[in-house]
């Protein structure tokens, strides 16, 4: 195991972060986020079109398929800026869907689907099930092949943006191995989809029943070693979530500092009291540590021997750190913090949701322990 700590923030990433921060701050002020909460679709189609015009959905798609041909690491600043502004988009599903097709799709499937992702077609990824197992190889949903047809069965949960999606990637067991089925949205009857109530009300999450859905055999994505590919998909998702959580951590920290420097008690700004200054110093330290882990993971993500360790460190750290920062923000806002009108509430809900996706901190620490002890 290497002892030095790799960290690089390229000129391209710096420019991307500057552009993304300006765009997201302009398009996703908190008032707009709150306006979207009660709407059927969480995101705004016009804003999504602007994001597509910027080329962000195809940022890590090779140029031959219509993308920008950059690395996945170059999408990290975009996710960080979106997280900072609680921006509601189907961007993560688009990125993750493209990576799944790149990993598991045939050349014909890549040519058929990757250009569609780059032009902004909304993608929903359905990999979780009611058993609550974060191991993506433990899928219980099944696909039964009969000639040129595949009959699906099972239930998927936490499928984001499913109602609005044009394409849905579903993981199923076929002949003892996990494969992905790429469904067109029109192949799913409306009664197969049920909206879920989740803690993060900026998201739209759905339960999908696969019974009675039949697709063509050529819609199976099954290239490469299944177990290795599924682990890489998990790590990709955790890198993207880590970026979003780092952005959210920074924003809720700024929100709290602003309040502490505004609210007065006994003739002093409450931020002057040590009982509040010291926890904020810890929150800042956690934020800087998490951001270092984020850009380290982004830097080494293309190096197979370094990727898993870096990403699991990131996810285990930022999950706890973001929740802690958001929870302290609620507490430090006093009675107002416990009302729904306090923006800290939205950040706390986002933190709890993101941590629970693709494994919580304990899950990744256990995996990291096995990884490090095995390398010792």
Protein backbone atom coordinates (compact mmCIF):
# COMPACT_ATOMS: atom_id res chain seq x y z
CA UNK A 1 0.00 0.00 0.00
CA UNK A 2 1.27 3.47 -0.88
CA UNK A 3 2.15 5.75 2.02
CA UNK A 4 1.95 9.10 0.24
CA UNK A 5 -1.39 10.85 -0.20
CA UNK A 6 -2.20 11.63 -3.84
CA UNK A 7 -4.16 14.81 -4.41
CA UNK A 8 -4.49 16.79 -7.59
CA UNK A 9 -6.90 19.55 -8.54
CA UNK A 10 -6.39 20.05 -12.25
CA UNK A 11 -6.85 23.33 -14.11
CA UNK A 12 -9.83 21.78 -15.90
CA UNK A 13 -11.45 20.75 -12.61
CA UNK A 14 -10.90 24.22 -11.15
CA UNK A 15 -12.56 25.82 -14.19
CA UNK A 16 -15.39 23.29 -14.06
CA UNK A 17 -15.98 24.01 -10.37
CA UNK A 18 -16.05 27.77 -10.97
CA UNK A 19 -18.52 27.38 -13.84
CA UNK A 20 -20.70 24.89 -11.97
CA UNK A 21 -20.81 26.97 -8.78
CA UNK A 22 -21.98 30.05 -10.69
CA UNK A 23 -24.58 28.09 -12.68
CA UNK A 24 -26.00 26.15 -9.73
CA UNK A 25 -26.17 29.21 -7.47
CA UNK A 26 -28.09 31.06 -10.19
CA UNK A 27 -30.47 28.23 -11.11
CA UNK A 28 -31.05 26.72 -7.66
CA UNK A 29 -31.59 29.38 -4.99
CA UNK A 30 -33.22 28.02 -1.85
CA UNK A 31 -36.56 29.60 -2.74
CA UNK A 32 -36.61 27.61 -5.99
CA UNK A 33 -35.68 24.38 -4.17
CA UNK A 34 -38.62 24.85 -1.82
CA UNK A 35 -40.98 25.58 -4.72
CA UNK A 36 -40.14 22.20 -6.25
CA UNK A 37 -40.88 20.18 -3.09
CA UNK A 38 -44.59 19.76 -3.70
CA UNK A 39 -44.44 19.25 -7.47
CA UNK A 40 -44.80 15.81 -9.15
CA UNK A 41 -41.34 16.09 -10.75
CA UNK A 42 -38.58 17.29 -8.45
CA UNK A 43 -36.52 18.95 -11.17
CA UNK A 44 -37.17 21.64 -13.75
CA UNK A 45 -37.05 20.49 -17.39
CA UNK A 46 -35.76 23.82 -18.65
CA UNK A 47 -32.86 23.80 -16.21
CA UNK A 48 -32.09 20.20 -17.17
CA UNK A 49 -31.99 21.25 -20.84
CA UNK A 50 -29.50 23.98 -19.97
CA UNK A 51 -27.37 21.41 -18.15
CA UNK A 52 -27.54 19.18 -21.23
CA UNK A 53 -26.52 22.10 -23.45
CA UNK A 54 -23.46 22.56 -21.23
CA UNK A 55 -22.50 18.96 -22.04
CA UNK A 56 -22.46 17.76 -18.44
CA UNK A 57 -24.46 14.51 -18.92
CA UNK A 58 -21.85 13.30 -21.42
CA UNK A 59 -18.84 14.58 -19.54
CA UNK A 60 -17.30 11.09 -19.08
CA UNK A 61 -18.68 9.53 -22.28
CA UNK A 62 -16.07 8.91 -25.00
CA UNK A 63 -16.18 11.30 -27.95
CA UNK A 64 -17.03 8.49 -30.37
CA UNK A 65 -20.42 8.17 -28.65
CA UNK A 66 -21.13 11.90 -28.58
CA UNK A 67 -19.61 12.76 -25.20
CA UNK A 68 -16.85 15.09 -24.04
CA UNK A 69 -14.34 12.27 -23.55
CA UNK A 70 -13.23 13.44 -20.11
CA UNK A 71 -12.75 11.37 -16.94
CA UNK A 72 -15.42 10.67 -14.35
CA UNK A 73 -13.29 12.77 -11.97
CA UNK A 74 -14.17 15.82 -14.06
CA UNK A 75 -17.83 15.43 -13.05
CA UNK A 76 -16.92 15.65 -9.35
CA UNK A 77 -16.83 19.49 -9.25
CA UNK A 78 -20.27 19.58 -10.88
CA UNK A 79 -21.78 17.25 -8.27
CA UNK A 80 -20.08 19.23 -5.50
CA UNK A 81 -21.64 22.48 -6.76
CA UNK A 82 -25.05 20.83 -7.11
CA UNK A 83 -24.82 19.50 -3.55
CA UNK A 84 -23.87 22.93 -2.24
CA UNK A 85 -27.07 24.39 -3.69
CA UNK A 86 -29.34 21.38 -3.03
CA UNK A 87 -29.85 21.38 -6.79
CA UNK A 88 -32.47 18.87 -7.90
CA UNK A 89 -31.58 17.15 -11.19
CA UNK A 90 -31.41 13.62 -12.64
CA UNK A 91 -27.69 14.16 -13.20
CA UNK A 92 -26.36 11.36 -11.02
CA UNK A 93 -28.64 8.82 -12.71
CA UNK A 94 -27.37 9.99 -16.09
CA UNK A 95 -23.72 9.66 -15.07
CA UNK A 96 -24.18 6.30 -13.36
CA UNK A 97 -26.26 4.94 -16.23
CA UNK A 98 -23.56 5.87 -18.72
CA UNK A 99 -20.88 4.19 -16.60
CA UNK A 100 -22.97 1.01 -16.36
CA UNK A 101 -23.36 0.87 -20.14
CA UNK A 102 -19.64 1.54 -20.60
CA UNK A 103 -18.79 -1.31 -18.22
CA UNK A 104 -21.39 -3.91 -19.14
CA UNK A 105 -22.70 -3.02 -22.59
CA UNK A 106 -21.62 -4.47 -25.92
CA UNK A 107 -20.27 -2.17 -28.61
CA UNK A 108 -23.66 -2.23 -30.30
CA UNK A 109 -25.39 -1.27 -27.04
CA UNK A 110 -22.92 1.54 -26.40
CA UNK A 111 -23.59 2.97 -29.85
CA UNK A 112 -27.34 2.69 -29.28
CA UNK A 113 -27.61 4.17 -25.78
CA UNK A 114 -24.65 6.39 -24.86
CA UNK A 115 -25.53 9.12 -27.39
CA UNK A 116 -29.03 9.23 -25.87
CA UNK A 117 -27.56 9.86 -22.41
CA UNK A 118 -25.46 12.71 -23.81
CA UNK A 119 -28.53 14.41 -25.27
CA UNK A 120 -30.20 14.53 -21.88
CA UNK A 121 -32.53 11.53 -21.88
CA UNK A 122 -33.36 10.88 -18.23
CA UNK A 123 -32.05 7.65 -16.76
CA UNK A 124 -33.22 5.85 -13.62
CA UNK A 125 -31.01 3.19 -12.03
CA UNK A 126 -32.83 0.47 -10.05
CA UNK A 127 -30.37 -1.67 -8.08
CA UNK A 128 -31.80 -1.81 -4.54
CA UNK A 129 -34.33 -4.29 -3.21
CA UNK A 130 -36.55 -4.79 -0.20
CA UNK A 131 -34.00 -7.07 1.50
CA UNK A 132 -31.93 -3.95 2.28
CA UNK A 133 -28.64 -5.57 1.17
CA UNK A 134 -26.11 -3.02 -0.08
CA UNK A 135 -24.14 -5.72 -1.91
CA UNK A 136 -25.13 -5.12 -5.53
CA UNK A 137 -24.32 -8.76 -6.33
CA UNK A 138 -27.08 -9.88 -3.95
CA UNK A 139 -29.91 -8.96 -6.34
CA UNK A 140 -32.94 -11.20 -5.90
CA UNK A 141 -34.90 -9.94 -8.91
CA UNK A 142 -34.68 -12.41 -11.78
CA UNK A 143 -34.73 -12.49 -15.53
CA UNK A 144 -35.82 -15.72 -17.20
CA UNK A 145 -34.62 -16.14 -20.78
CA UNK A 146 -36.94 -17.93 -23.18
CA UNK A 147 -35.67 -17.75 -26.75
CA UNK A 148 -35.35 -14.07 -27.69
CA UNK A 149 -37.50 -12.91 -24.76
CA UNK A 150 -36.69 -12.20 -21.12
CA UNK A 151 -39.43 -12.29 -18.46
CA UNK A 152 -38.71 -10.26 -15.32
CA UNK A 153 -39.83 -10.81 -11.74
CA UNK A 154 -39.08 -9.20 -8.39
CA UNK A 155 -39.27 -5.75 -6.82
CA UNK A 156 -36.88 -2.81 -6.95
CA UNK A 157 -36.92 0.13 -4.53
CA UNK A 158 -35.32 3.60 -4.32
CA UNK A 159 -35.33 4.09 -8.09
CA UNK A 160 -34.88 7.84 -8.47
CA UNK A 161 -36.78 9.81 -11.13
CA UNK A 162 -38.42 6.66 -12.49
CA UNK A 163 -41.66 8.39 -13.41
CA UNK A 164 -39.80 10.95 -15.56
CA UNK A 165 -37.18 8.58 -16.99
CA UNK A 166 -36.91 7.58 -20.64
CA UNK A 167 -34.57 4.69 -19.81
CA UNK A 168 -34.41 2.44 -16.75
CA UNK A 169 -31.44 0.24 -15.83
CA UNK A 170 -32.53 -2.70 -13.67
CA UNK A 171 -30.20 -5.26 -12.07
CA UNK A 172 -31.44 -8.88 -12.14
CA UNK A 173 -30.07 -12.38 -11.69
CA UNK A 174 -29.82 -14.31 -14.96
CA UNK A 175 -28.42 -17.85 -14.79
CA UNK A 176 -26.75 -17.14 -11.42
CA UNK A 177 -25.04 -13.87 -12.42
CA UNK A 178 -26.12 -10.27 -12.05
CA UNK A 179 -26.84 -8.50 -15.31
CA UNK A 180 -28.54 -5.24 -16.20
CA UNK A 181 -31.68 -4.93 -18.26
CA UNK A 182 -32.10 -1.64 -20.10
CA UNK A 183 -35.82 -0.91 -20.17
CA UNK A 184 -37.53 1.73 -22.21
CA UNK A 185 -39.98 3.59 -20.01
CA UNK A 186 -42.94 2.70 -22.25
CA UNK A 187 -42.33 -1.00 -21.51
CA UNK A 188 -43.39 -0.38 -17.88
CA UNK A 189 -47.11 -0.16 -17.21
CA UNK A 190 -48.15 2.69 -14.88
CA UNK A 191 -49.45 0.26 -12.24
CA UNK A 192 -45.95 -1.23 -11.91
CA UNK A 193 -44.68 2.02 -10.37
CA UNK A 194 -45.39 3.33 -6.87
CA UNK A 195 -44.07 6.58 -5.37
CA UNK A 196 -42.12 6.07 -2.12
CA UNK A 197 -42.07 8.41 0.85
CA UNK A 198 -38.43 9.13 1.74
CA UNK A 199 -36.75 11.50 4.16
CA UNK A 200 -35.23 13.71 1.44
CA UNK A 201 -38.22 15.46 -0.08
CA UNK A 202 -36.08 17.00 -2.81
CA UNK A 203 -35.87 13.52 -4.38
CA UNK A 204 -38.49 11.47 -6.19
CA UNK A 205 -38.04 7.79 -5.35
CA UNK A 206 -40.10 4.88 -6.67
CA UNK A 207 -40.84 1.21 -6.10
CA UNK A 208 -40.89 -0.88 -9.27
CA UNK A 209 -42.65 -4.25 -9.60
CA UNK A 210 -41.12 -6.26 -12.43
CA UNK A 211 -43.77 -8.96 -12.81
CA UNK A 212 -45.40 -9.10 -16.24
CA UNK A 213 -42.58 -7.10 -17.84
CA UNK A 214 -41.07 -8.87 -20.85
CA UNK A 215 -38.22 -7.48 -22.94
CA UNK A 216 -35.99 -8.54 -25.80
CA UNK A 217 -32.85 -10.53 -25.10
CA UNK A 218 -30.69 -7.85 -26.73
CA UNK A 219 -31.66 -5.49 -23.88
CA UNK A 220 -29.45 -7.47 -21.48
CA UNK A 221 -26.16 -5.81 -20.55
CA UNK A 222 -23.86 -8.59 -19.37
CA UNK A 223 -20.33 -7.93 -20.63
CA UNK A 224 -17.36 -8.44 -18.31
CA UNK A 225 -16.96 -10.18 -14.96
CA UNK A 226 -20.23 -9.58 -13.10
CA UNK A 227 -18.86 -9.42 -9.54
CA UNK A 228 -15.99 -7.08 -10.44
CA UNK A 229 -18.24 -4.83 -12.51
CA UNK A 230 -20.84 -4.51 -9.75
CA UNK A 231 -18.17 -3.51 -7.23
CA UNK A 232 -16.93 -0.84 -9.61
CA UNK A 233 -20.48 0.46 -10.10
CA UNK A 234 -20.81 0.74 -6.31
CA UNK A 235 -17.57 2.72 -6.11
CA UNK A 236 -18.64 5.02 -8.95
CA UNK A 237 -21.90 5.78 -7.15
CA UNK A 238 -20.07 6.43 -3.88
CA UNK A 239 -17.64 8.86 -5.54
CA UNK A 240 -20.57 10.81 -6.99
CA UNK A 241 -22.46 10.79 -3.68
CA UNK A 242 -19.29 11.85 -1.87
CA UNK A 243 -19.03 14.91 -4.11
CA UNK A 244 -22.66 15.84 -3.47
CA UNK A 245 -22.25 15.40 0.28
CA UNK A 246 -19.08 17.50 0.41
CA UNK A 247 -20.92 20.32 -1.33
CA UNK A 248 -23.84 20.04 1.07
CA UNK A 249 -21.49 20.00 4.07
CA UNK A 250 -19.85 23.23 2.95
CA UNK A 251 -23.19 24.93 2.37
CA UNK A 252 -24.77 23.98 5.69
CA UNK A 253 -21.58 25.06 7.47
CA UNK A 254 -21.80 28.49 5.80
CA UNK A 255 -25.49 28.69 6.65
CA UNK A 256 -24.71 28.06 10.31
CA UNK A 257 -21.83 30.54 10.47
CA UNK A 258 -24.03 33.23 8.92
CA UNK A 259 -26.67 32.63 11.59
CA UNK A 260 -24.14 32.62 14.42
CA UNK A 261 -22.81 35.96 13.20
CA UNK A 262 -26.32 37.44 12.98
CA UNK A 263 -28.22 36.21 16.03
CA UNK A 264 -27.56 38.12 19.27
CA UNK A 265 -28.06 36.96 22.85
CA UNK A 266 -27.29 39.04 25.94
CA UNK A 267 -25.83 41.77 23.75
CA UNK A 268 -23.35 39.51 21.91
CA UNK A 269 -23.42 37.58 18.70
CA UNK A 270 -23.89 33.95 19.69
CA UNK A 271 -20.98 32.94 17.49
CA UNK A 272 -18.68 34.57 20.05
CA UNK A 273 -19.46 31.92 22.67
CA UNK A 274 -16.94 29.09 22.98
CA UNK A 275 -19.71 26.49 23.25
CA UNK A 276 -20.56 27.28 19.62
CA UNK A 277 -17.15 28.29 18.25
CA UNK A 278 -15.43 25.02 19.11
CA UNK A 279 -18.02 22.72 17.45
CA UNK A 280 -17.87 24.91 14.34
CA UNK A 281 -14.10 24.52 14.26
CA UNK A 282 -14.60 20.74 14.34
CA UNK A 283 -17.14 20.99 11.50
CA UNK A 284 -14.67 23.00 9.42
CA UNK A 285 -11.92 20.46 10.08
CA UNK A 286 -14.26 17.64 9.05
CA UNK A 287 -15.20 19.53 5.89
CA UNK A 288 -11.60 20.15 4.84
CA UNK A 289 -10.75 16.52 5.56
CA UNK A 290 -13.70 15.28 3.53
CA UNK A 291 -12.91 17.52 0.60
CA UNK A 292 -9.31 16.30 0.58
CA UNK A 293 -10.55 12.72 0.54
CA UNK A 294 -12.96 13.60 -2.30
CA UNK A 295 -10.33 14.99 -4.64
CA UNK A 296 -7.86 12.28 -3.69
CA UNK A 297 -10.47 9.67 -4.65
CA UNK A 298 -11.19 11.53 -7.88
CA UNK A 299 -7.48 11.73 -8.68
CA UNK A 300 -6.77 8.02 -8.22
CA UNK A 301 -10.12 6.67 -9.45
CA UNK A 302 -8.67 5.38 -12.71
CA UNK A 303 -5.99 3.43 -10.79
CA UNK A 304 -7.48 0.05 -9.92
CA UNK A 305 -5.08 -0.64 -7.05
CA UNK A 306 -5.92 2.67 -5.31
CA UNK A 307 -9.59 3.20 -6.20
CA UNK A 308 -11.44 1.11 -3.63
CA UNK A 309 -9.46 2.26 -0.60
CA UNK A 310 -9.82 5.94 -1.52
CA UNK A 311 -13.56 5.80 -2.25
CA UNK A 312 -14.47 3.81 0.85
CA UNK A 313 -12.49 6.27 2.99
CA UNK A 314 -14.40 9.10 1.34
CA UNK A 315 -17.88 7.64 1.76
CA UNK A 316 -17.33 6.59 5.38
CA UNK A 317 -15.96 10.03 6.32
CA UNK A 318 -18.29 12.43 4.53
CA UNK A 319 -21.44 10.48 5.42
CA UNK A 320 -20.93 11.03 9.15
CA UNK A 321 -19.42 14.51 8.75
CA UNK A 322 -22.30 15.91 6.68
CA UNK A 323 -24.93 14.52 9.05
CA UNK A 324 -23.06 15.96 12.05
CA UNK A 325 -22.74 19.40 10.44
CA UNK A 326 -26.42 19.48 9.46
CA UNK A 327 -27.55 18.24 12.86
CA UNK A 328 -25.49 20.91 14.65
CA UNK A 329 -26.98 23.51 12.31
CA UNK A 330 -30.48 22.50 13.37
CA UNK A 331 -29.46 22.65 17.04
CA UNK A 332 -27.65 25.99 16.77
CA UNK A 333 -30.63 27.63 15.08
CA UNK A 334 -32.53 27.03 18.31
CA UNK A 335 -36.29 26.54 18.24
CA UNK A 336 -36.42 27.82 14.63
CA UNK A 337 -34.07 25.01 13.60
CA UNK A 338 -36.71 22.44 14.48
CA UNK A 339 -39.26 23.99 12.15
CA UNK A 340 -39.64 23.06 8.50
CA UNK A 341 -38.96 26.67 7.49
CA UNK A 342 -35.31 26.37 8.54
CA UNK A 343 -33.11 25.46 5.57
CA UNK A 344 -30.89 23.36 7.82
CA UNK A 345 -33.74 20.84 7.84
CA UNK A 346 -33.38 20.26 4.10
CA UNK A 347 -29.64 19.73 4.40
CA UNK A 348 -30.09 17.25 7.25
CA UNK A 349 -32.62 15.29 5.22
CA UNK A 350 -30.27 15.27 2.22
CA UNK A 351 -27.39 14.10 4.44
CA UNK A 352 -29.38 11.20 5.91
CA UNK A 353 -30.56 10.09 2.48
CA UNK A 354 -27.14 10.25 0.82
CA UNK A 355 -25.45 8.36 3.63
CA UNK A 356 -27.93 5.50 3.30
CA UNK A 357 -27.34 5.05 -0.42
CA UNK A 358 -24.79 2.45 -1.56
CA UNK A 359 -23.74 1.67 2.00
CA UNK A 360 -23.56 3.72 5.19
CA UNK A 361 -20.35 4.62 7.02
CA UNK A 362 -20.22 1.38 9.05
CA UNK A 363 -20.63 -0.69 5.89
CA UNK A 364 -17.69 1.02 4.19
CA UNK A 365 -15.50 0.91 7.30
CA UNK A 366 -16.00 -2.83 7.55
CA UNK A 367 -15.11 -3.23 3.87
CA UNK A 368 -12.12 -0.94 4.36
CA UNK A 369 -10.95 -2.98 7.34
CA UNK A 370 -10.99 -6.16 5.26
CA UNK A 371 -9.20 -4.38 2.43
CA UNK A 372 -6.43 -2.95 4.61
CA UNK A 373 -5.90 -6.09 6.71
CA UNK A 374 -5.81 -8.17 3.56
CA UNK A 375 -3.09 -5.93 2.13
CA UNK A 376 -1.04 -5.95 5.32
